[in-house]
PDB file of N, CA and C in Angstrom:
ATOM      1  N   MET A   1      19.706   5.126  22.417  1.00  0.00           N
ATOM      2  CA  MET A   1      20.312   3.837  22.659  1.00  0.00           C
ATOM      3  C   MET A   1      20.079   2.937  21.443  1.00  0.00           C
ATOM      4  N   LYS A   2      21.130   2.319  20.949  1.00  0.00           N
ATOM      5  CA  LYS A   2      21.053   1.425  19.796  1.00  0.00           C
ATOM      6  C   LYS A   2      20.500   0.067  20.209  1.00  0.00           C
ATOM      7  N   THR A   3      19.594  -0.443  19.377  1.00  0.00           N
ATOM      8  CA  THR A   3      19.088  -1.793  19.614  1.00  0.00           C
ATOM      9  C   THR A   3      20.018  -2.803  18.944  1.00  0.00           C
ATOM     10  N   LEU A   4      19.824  -4.057  19.252  1.00  0.00           N
ATOM     11  CA  LEU A   4      20.614  -5.118  18.618  1.00  0.00           C
ATOM     12  C   LEU A   4      20.427  -5.099  17.106  1.00  0.00           C
ATOM     13  N   ILE A   5      19.213  -4.862  16.667  1.00  0.00           N
ATOM     14  CA  ILE A   5      18.930  -4.816  15.225  1.00  0.00           C
ATOM     15  C   ILE A   5      19.652  -3.637  14.583  1.00  0.00           C
ATOM     16  N   ASP A   6      19.660  -2.497  15.255  1.00  0.00           N
ATOM     17  CA  ASP A   6      20.381  -1.326  14.723  1.00  0.00           C
ATOM     18  C   ASP A   6      21.861  -1.633  14.539  1.00  0.00           C
ATOM     19  N   GLU A   7      22.431  -2.347  15.491  1.00  0.00           N
ATOM     20  CA  GLU A   7      23.847  -2.711  15.382  1.00  0.00           C
ATOM     21  C   GLU A   7      24.084  -3.617  14.178  1.00  0.00           C
ATOM     22  N   LEU A   8      23.188  -4.576  13.968  1.00  0.00           N
ATOM     23  CA  LEU A   8      23.337  -5.474  12.817  1.00  0.00           C
ATOM     24  C   LEU A   8      23.162  -4.730  11.502  1.00  0.00           C
ATOM     25  N   LYS A   9      22.218  -3.809  11.449  1.00  0.00           N
ATOM     26  CA  LYS A   9      22.002  -3.028  10.234  1.00  0.00           C
ATOM     27  C   LYS A   9      23.215  -2.163   9.901  1.00  0.00           C
ATOM     28  N   GLY A  10      23.995  -1.814  10.907  1.00  0.00           N
ATOM     29  CA  GLY A  10      25.148  -0.957  10.713  1.00  0.00           C
ATOM     30  C   GLY A  10      26.342  -1.633  10.056  1.00  0.00           C
ATOM     31  N   VAL A  11      26.334  -2.959   9.947  1.00  0.00           N
ATOM     32  CA  VAL A  11      27.441  -3.677   9.309  1.00  0.00           C
ATOM     33  C   VAL A  11      27.450  -3.323   7.821  1.00  0.00           C
ATOM     34  N   LYS A  12      28.598  -2.928   7.317  1.00  0.00           N
ATOM     35  CA  LYS A  12      28.732  -2.499   5.927  1.00  0.00           C
ATOM     36  C   LYS A  12      28.877  -3.714   5.005  1.00  0.00           C
ATOM     37  N   ALA A  13      27.761  -4.280   4.613  1.00  0.00           N
ATOM     38  CA  ALA A  13      27.712  -5.408   3.680  1.00  0.00           C
ATOM     39  C   ALA A  13      26.320  -5.440   3.075  1.00  0.00           C
ATOM     40  N   LYS A  14      26.209  -6.040   1.901  1.00  0.00           N
ATOM     41  CA  LYS A  14      24.895  -6.169   1.270  1.00  0.00           C
ATOM     42  C   LYS A  14      24.020  -7.031   2.177  1.00  0.00           C
ATOM     43  N   LYS A  15      22.794  -6.590   2.385  1.00  0.00           N
ATOM     44  CA  LYS A  15      21.922  -7.326   3.290  1.00  0.00           C
ATOM     45  C   LYS A  15      20.456  -7.176   2.897  1.00  0.00           C
ATOM     46  N   HIS A  16      19.653  -8.061   3.441  1.00  0.00           N
ATOM     47  CA  HIS A  16      18.200  -8.027   3.319  1.00  0.00           C
ATOM     48  C   HIS A  16      17.639  -8.153   4.731  1.00  0.00           C
ATOM     49  N   VAL A  17      16.534  -7.493   4.986  1.00  0.00           N
ATOM     50  CA  VAL A  17      15.851  -7.611   6.255  1.00  0.00           C
ATOM     51  C   VAL A  17      14.573  -8.400   6.014  1.00  0.00           C
ATOM     52  N   VAL A  18      14.368  -9.448   6.801  1.00  0.00           N
ATOM     53  CA  VAL A  18      13.190 -10.293   6.662  1.00  0.00           C
ATOM     54  C   VAL A  18      12.267 -10.052   7.859  1.00  0.00           C
ATOM     55  N   THR A  19      11.024  -9.713   7.553  1.00  0.00           N
ATOM     56  CA  THR A  19      10.013  -9.505   8.588  1.00  0.00           C
ATOM     57  C   THR A  19       8.917 -10.530   8.388  1.00  0.00           C
ATOM     58  N   SER A  20       8.575 -11.223   9.449  1.00  0.00           N
ATOM     59  CA  SER A  20       7.524 -12.227   9.406  1.00  0.00           C
ATOM     60  C   SER A  20       6.422 -11.827  10.377  1.00  0.00           C
ATOM     61  N   ILE A  21       5.188 -11.763   9.877  1.00  0.00           N
ATOM     62  CA  ILE A  21       4.040 -11.393  10.702  1.00  0.00           C
ATOM     63  C   ILE A  21       2.973 -12.468  10.541  1.00  0.00           C
ATOM     64  N   GLU A  22       2.440 -12.937  11.663  1.00  0.00           N
ATOM     65  CA  GLU A  22       1.344 -13.907  11.639  1.00  0.00           C
ATOM     66  C   GLU A  22       0.084 -13.230  12.167  1.00  0.00           C
ATOM     67  N   TYR A  23      -0.992 -13.336  11.398  1.00  0.00           N
ATOM     68  CA  TYR A  23      -2.270 -12.737  11.757  1.00  0.00           C
ATOM     69  C   TYR A  23      -3.248 -13.847  12.137  1.00  0.00           C
ATOM     70  N   ASP A  24      -3.968 -13.658  13.221  1.00  0.00           N
ATOM     71  CA  ASP A  24      -5.041 -14.562  13.622  1.00  0.00           C
ATOM     72  C   ASP A  24      -6.339 -13.857  13.250  1.00  0.00           C
ATOM     73  N   CYS A  25      -6.833 -14.114  12.053  1.00  0.00           N
ATOM     74  CA  CYS A  25      -7.888 -13.297  11.460  1.00  0.00           C
ATOM     75  C   CYS A  25      -9.293 -13.573  11.987  1.00  0.00           C
ATOM     76  N   LYS A  26      -9.606 -14.777  12.337  1.00  0.00           N
ATOM     77  CA  LYS A  26     -10.926 -15.169  12.838  1.00  0.00           C
ATOM     78  C   LYS A  26     -12.033 -15.062  11.788  1.00  0.00           C
ATOM     79  N   LYS A  27     -11.974 -14.055  10.921  1.00  0.00           N
ATOM     80  CA  LYS A  27     -13.012 -13.875   9.910  1.00  0.00           C
ATOM     81  C   LYS A  27     -12.374 -13.725   8.535  1.00  0.00           C
ATOM     82  N   GLU A  28     -13.099 -14.154   7.515  1.00  0.00           N
ATOM     83  CA  GLU A  28     -12.600 -14.117   6.149  1.00  0.00           C
ATOM     84  C   GLU A  28     -12.319 -12.696   5.671  1.00  0.00           C
ATOM     85  N   ASP A  29     -13.113 -11.719   6.135  1.00  0.00           N
ATOM     86  CA  ASP A  29     -12.879 -10.342   5.684  1.00  0.00           C
ATOM     87  C   ASP A  29     -11.531  -9.806   6.171  1.00  0.00           C
ATOM     88  N   LYS A  30     -11.054 -10.277   7.302  1.00  0.00           N
ATOM     89  CA  LYS A  30      -9.727  -9.875   7.783  1.00  0.00           C
ATOM     90  C   LYS A  30      -8.632 -10.517   6.925  1.00  0.00           C
ATOM     91  N   GLU A  31      -8.851 -11.758   6.496  1.00  0.00           N
ATOM     92  CA  GLU A  31      -7.912 -12.396   5.565  1.00  0.00           C
ATOM     93  C   GLU A  31      -7.817 -11.572   4.296  1.00  0.00           C
ATOM     94  N   ASP A  32      -8.964 -11.127   3.796  1.00  0.00           N
ATOM     95  CA  ASP A  32      -9.004 -10.305   2.588  1.00  0.00           C
ATOM     96  C   ASP A  32      -8.276  -8.979   2.795  1.00  0.00           C
ATOM     97  N   GLU A  33      -8.416  -8.393   3.980  1.00  0.00           N
ATOM     98  CA  GLU A  33      -7.740  -7.128   4.277  1.00  0.00           C
ATOM     99  C   GLU A  33      -6.217  -7.299   4.242  1.00  0.00           C
ATOM    100  N   VAL A  34      -5.729  -8.400   4.820  1.00  0.00           N
ATOM    101  CA  VAL A  34      -4.294  -8.669   4.797  1.00  0.00           C
ATOM    102  C   VAL A  34      -3.832  -8.867   3.353  1.00  0.00           C
ATOM    103  N   PHE A  35      -4.595  -9.641   2.574  1.00  0.00           N
ATOM    104  CA  PHE A  35      -4.232  -9.894   1.175  1.00  0.00           C
ATOM    105  C   PHE A  35      -4.193  -8.597   0.377  1.00  0.00           C
ATOM    106  N   GLU A  36      -5.178  -7.737   0.563  1.00  0.00           N
ATOM    107  CA  GLU A  36      -5.215  -6.462  -0.161  1.00  0.00           C
ATOM    108  C   GLU A  36      -4.035  -5.569   0.235  1.00  0.00           C
ATOM    109  N   THR A  37      -3.648  -5.626   1.496  1.00  0.00           N
ATOM    110  CA  THR A  37      -2.491  -4.854   1.947  1.00  0.00           C
ATOM    111  C   THR A  37      -1.218  -5.355   1.263  1.00  0.00           C
ATOM    112  N   VAL A  38      -1.082  -6.669   1.146  1.00  0.00           N
ATOM    113  CA  VAL A  38       0.067  -7.253   0.448  1.00  0.00           C
ATOM    114  C   VAL A  38       0.071  -6.799  -1.014  1.00  0.00           C
ATOM    115  N   ARG A  39      -1.089  -6.823  -1.655  1.00  0.00           N
ATOM    116  CA  ARG A  39      -1.191  -6.368  -3.050  1.00  0.00           C
ATOM    117  C   ARG A  39      -0.775  -4.907  -3.196  1.00  0.00           C
ATOM    118  N   THR A  40      -1.187  -4.079  -2.251  1.00  0.00           N
ATOM    119  CA  THR A  40      -0.824  -2.659  -2.282  1.00  0.00           C
ATOM    120  C   THR A  40       0.679  -2.480  -2.120  1.00  0.00           C
ATOM    121  N   ILE A  41       1.273  -3.237  -1.219  1.00  0.00           N
ATOM    122  CA  ILE A  41       2.724  -3.163  -1.026  1.00  0.00           C
ATOM    123  C   ILE A  41       3.445  -3.520  -2.311  1.00  0.00           C
ATOM    124  N   VAL A  42       3.007  -4.580  -2.970  1.00  0.00           N
ATOM    125  CA  VAL A  42       3.636  -4.996  -4.226  1.00  0.00           C
ATOM    126  C   VAL A  42       3.466  -3.912  -5.289  1.00  0.00           C
ATOM    127  N   SER A  43       2.283  -3.314  -5.346  1.00  0.00           N
ATOM    128  CA  SER A  43       2.025  -2.270  -6.345  1.00  0.00           C
ATOM    129  C   SER A  43       2.818  -0.998  -6.091  1.00  0.00           C
ATOM    130  N   ASP A  44       2.909  -0.602  -4.832  1.00  0.00           N
ATOM    131  CA  ASP A  44       3.475   0.701  -4.502  1.00  0.00           C
ATOM    132  C   ASP A  44       4.947   0.670  -4.096  1.00  0.00           C
ATOM    133  N   HIS A  45       5.471  -0.497  -3.721  1.00  0.00           N
ATOM    134  CA  HIS A  45       6.824  -0.551  -3.164  1.00  0.00           C
ATOM    135  C   HIS A  45       7.661  -1.681  -3.749  1.00  0.00           C
ATOM    136  N   LEU A  46       7.378  -2.067  -4.960  1.00  0.00           N
ATOM    137  CA  LEU A  46       8.050  -3.210  -5.568  1.00  0.00           C
ATOM    138  C   LEU A  46       9.569  -3.072  -5.573  1.00  0.00           C
ATOM    139  N   GLU A  47      10.080  -1.864  -5.792  1.00  0.00           N
ATOM    140  CA  GLU A  47      11.528  -1.663  -5.859  1.00  0.00           C
ATOM    141  C   GLU A  47      12.197  -1.839  -4.493  1.00  0.00           C
ATOM    142  N   GLU A  48      11.430  -1.781  -3.412  1.00  0.00           N
ATOM    143  CA  GLU A  48      11.994  -1.890  -2.065  1.00  0.00           C
ATOM    144  C   GLU A  48      12.048  -3.324  -1.548  1.00  0.00           C
ATOM    145  N   ILE A  49      11.297  -4.222  -2.188  1.00  0.00           N
ATOM    146  CA  ILE A  49      11.229  -5.591  -1.665  1.00  0.00           C
ATOM    147  C   ILE A  49      11.924  -6.580  -2.589  1.00  0.00           C
ATOM    148  N   ALA A  50      12.577  -7.557  -1.972  1.00  0.00           N
ATOM    149  CA  ALA A  50      13.189  -8.646  -2.730  1.00  0.00           C
ATOM    150  C   ALA A  50      12.199  -9.787  -2.882  1.00  0.00           C
ATOM    151  N   LYS A  51      11.339  -9.956  -1.849  1.00  0.00           N
ATOM    152  CA  LYS A  51      10.377 -11.056  -1.878  1.00  0.00           C
ATOM    153  C   LYS A  51       9.277 -10.778  -0.859  1.00  0.00           C
ATOM    154  N   ILE A  52       8.044 -11.185  -1.196  1.00  0.00           N
ATOM    155  CA  ILE A  52       6.940 -11.109  -0.250  1.00  0.00           C
ATOM    156  C   ILE A  52       6.089 -12.356  -0.439  1.00  0.00           C
ATOM    157  N   THR A  53       5.715 -12.989   0.667  1.00  0.00           N
ATOM    158  CA  THR A  53       4.870 -14.178   0.589  1.00  0.00           C
ATOM    159  C   THR A  53       3.639 -13.990   1.464  1.00  0.00           C
ATOM    160  N   TYR A  54       2.550 -14.603   1.028  1.00  0.00           N
ATOM    161  CA  TYR A  54       1.276 -14.593   1.742  1.00  0.00           C
ATOM    162  C   TYR A  54       0.863 -16.045   1.847  1.00  0.00           C
ATOM    163  N   ASP A  55       0.702 -16.550   3.059  1.00  0.00           N
ATOM    164  CA  ASP A  55       0.367 -17.953   3.258  1.00  0.00           C
ATOM    165  C   ASP A  55      -0.869 -18.059   4.142  1.00  0.00           C
ATOM    166  N   LEU A  56      -1.977 -18.531   3.559  1.00  0.00           N
ATOM    167  CA  LEU A  56      -3.209 -18.749   4.302  1.00  0.00           C
ATOM    168  C   LEU A  56      -3.137 -20.133   4.929  1.00  0.00           C
ATOM    169  N   GLN A  57      -3.204 -20.184   6.259  1.00  0.00           N
ATOM    170  CA  GLN A  57      -3.079 -21.439   6.986  1.00  0.00           C
ATOM    171  C   GLN A  57      -4.423 -21.837   7.591  1.00  0.00           C
ATOM    172  N   ALA A  58      -4.449 -22.961   8.251  1.00  0.00           N
ATOM    173  CA  ALA A  58      -5.680 -23.445   8.880  1.00  0.00           C
ATOM    174  C   ALA A  58      -6.160 -22.465   9.952  1.00  0.00           C
ATOM    175  N   ASP A  59      -7.433 -22.535  10.274  1.00  0.00           N
ATOM    176  CA  ASP A  59      -8.035 -21.727  11.343  1.00  0.00           C
ATOM    177  C   ASP A  59      -7.892 -20.226  11.121  1.00  0.00           C
ATOM    178  N   HIS A  60      -7.945 -19.797   9.869  1.00  0.00           N
ATOM    179  CA  HIS A  60      -7.911 -18.378   9.508  1.00  0.00           C
ATOM    180  C   HIS A  60      -6.644 -17.671   9.970  1.00  0.00           C
ATOM    181  N   LYS A  61      -5.548 -18.369   9.977  1.00  0.00           N
ATOM    182  CA  LYS A  61      -4.258 -17.752  10.281  1.00  0.00           C
ATOM    183  C   LYS A  61      -3.574 -17.414   8.959  1.00  0.00           C
ATOM    184  N   VAL A  62      -3.006 -16.232   8.901  1.00  0.00           N
ATOM    185  CA  VAL A  62      -2.307 -15.764   7.708  1.00  0.00           C
ATOM    186  C   VAL A  62      -0.884 -15.395   8.119  1.00  0.00           C
ATOM    187  N   LYS A  63       0.084 -15.878   7.339  1.00  0.00           N
ATOM    188  CA  LYS A  63       1.478 -15.529   7.588  1.00  0.00           C
ATOM    189  C   LYS A  63       1.989 -14.751   6.379  1.00  0.00           C
ATOM    190  N   VAL A  64       2.558 -13.580   6.644  1.00  0.00           N
ATOM    191  CA  VAL A  64       3.141 -12.740   5.609  1.00  0.00           C
ATOM    192  C   VAL A  64       4.618 -12.582   5.945  1.00  0.00           C
ATOM    193  N   GLU A  65       5.454 -12.797   4.938  1.00  0.00           N
ATOM    194  CA  GLU A  65       6.891 -12.613   5.122  1.00  0.00           C
ATOM    195  C   GLU A  65       7.403 -11.682   4.046  1.00  0.00           C
ATOM    196  N   VAL A  66       8.093 -10.637   4.472  1.00  0.00           N
ATOM    197  CA  VAL A  66       8.615  -9.617   3.549  1.00  0.00           C
ATOM    198  C   VAL A  66      10.122  -9.584   3.683  1.00  0.00           C
ATOM    199  N   THR A  67      10.812  -9.708   2.549  1.00  0.00           N
ATOM    200  CA  THR A  67      12.260  -9.555   2.506  1.00  0.00           C
ATOM    201  C   THR A  67      12.550  -8.225   1.811  1.00  0.00           C
ATOM    202  N   GLN A  68      13.126  -7.290   2.567  1.00  0.00           N
ATOM    203  CA  GLN A  68      13.404  -5.946   2.061  1.00  0.00           C
ATOM    204  C   GLN A  68      14.861  -5.821   1.655  1.00  0.00           C
ATOM    205  N   ASN A  69      15.073  -5.114   0.540  1.00  0.00           N
ATOM    206  CA  ASN A  69      16.436  -4.746   0.142  1.00  0.00           C
ATOM    207  C   ASN A  69      16.917  -3.642   1.067  1.00  0.00           C
ATOM    208  N   MET A  70      18.199  -3.691   1.409  1.00  0.00           N
ATOM    209  CA  MET A  70      18.787  -2.637   2.252  1.00  0.00           C
ATOM    210  C   MET A  70      19.912  -1.987   1.493  1.00  0.00           C
TER     211      MET A  70
END
């Protein structure tokens, strides 16, 4: 069964997929883990992404947004 997202991906036009993830880290070491993961993605998958952002917010919340080329 096709999901709504699958149907949208099927449209024949240039597109980017944006994924936004918010982490509630509670501890600084978890913030560091998210940051290191972002660094690894940039190092290993740079050709696949159009943009990636890492935003450290109040109360140890981290927001990561990835825009992928399709």
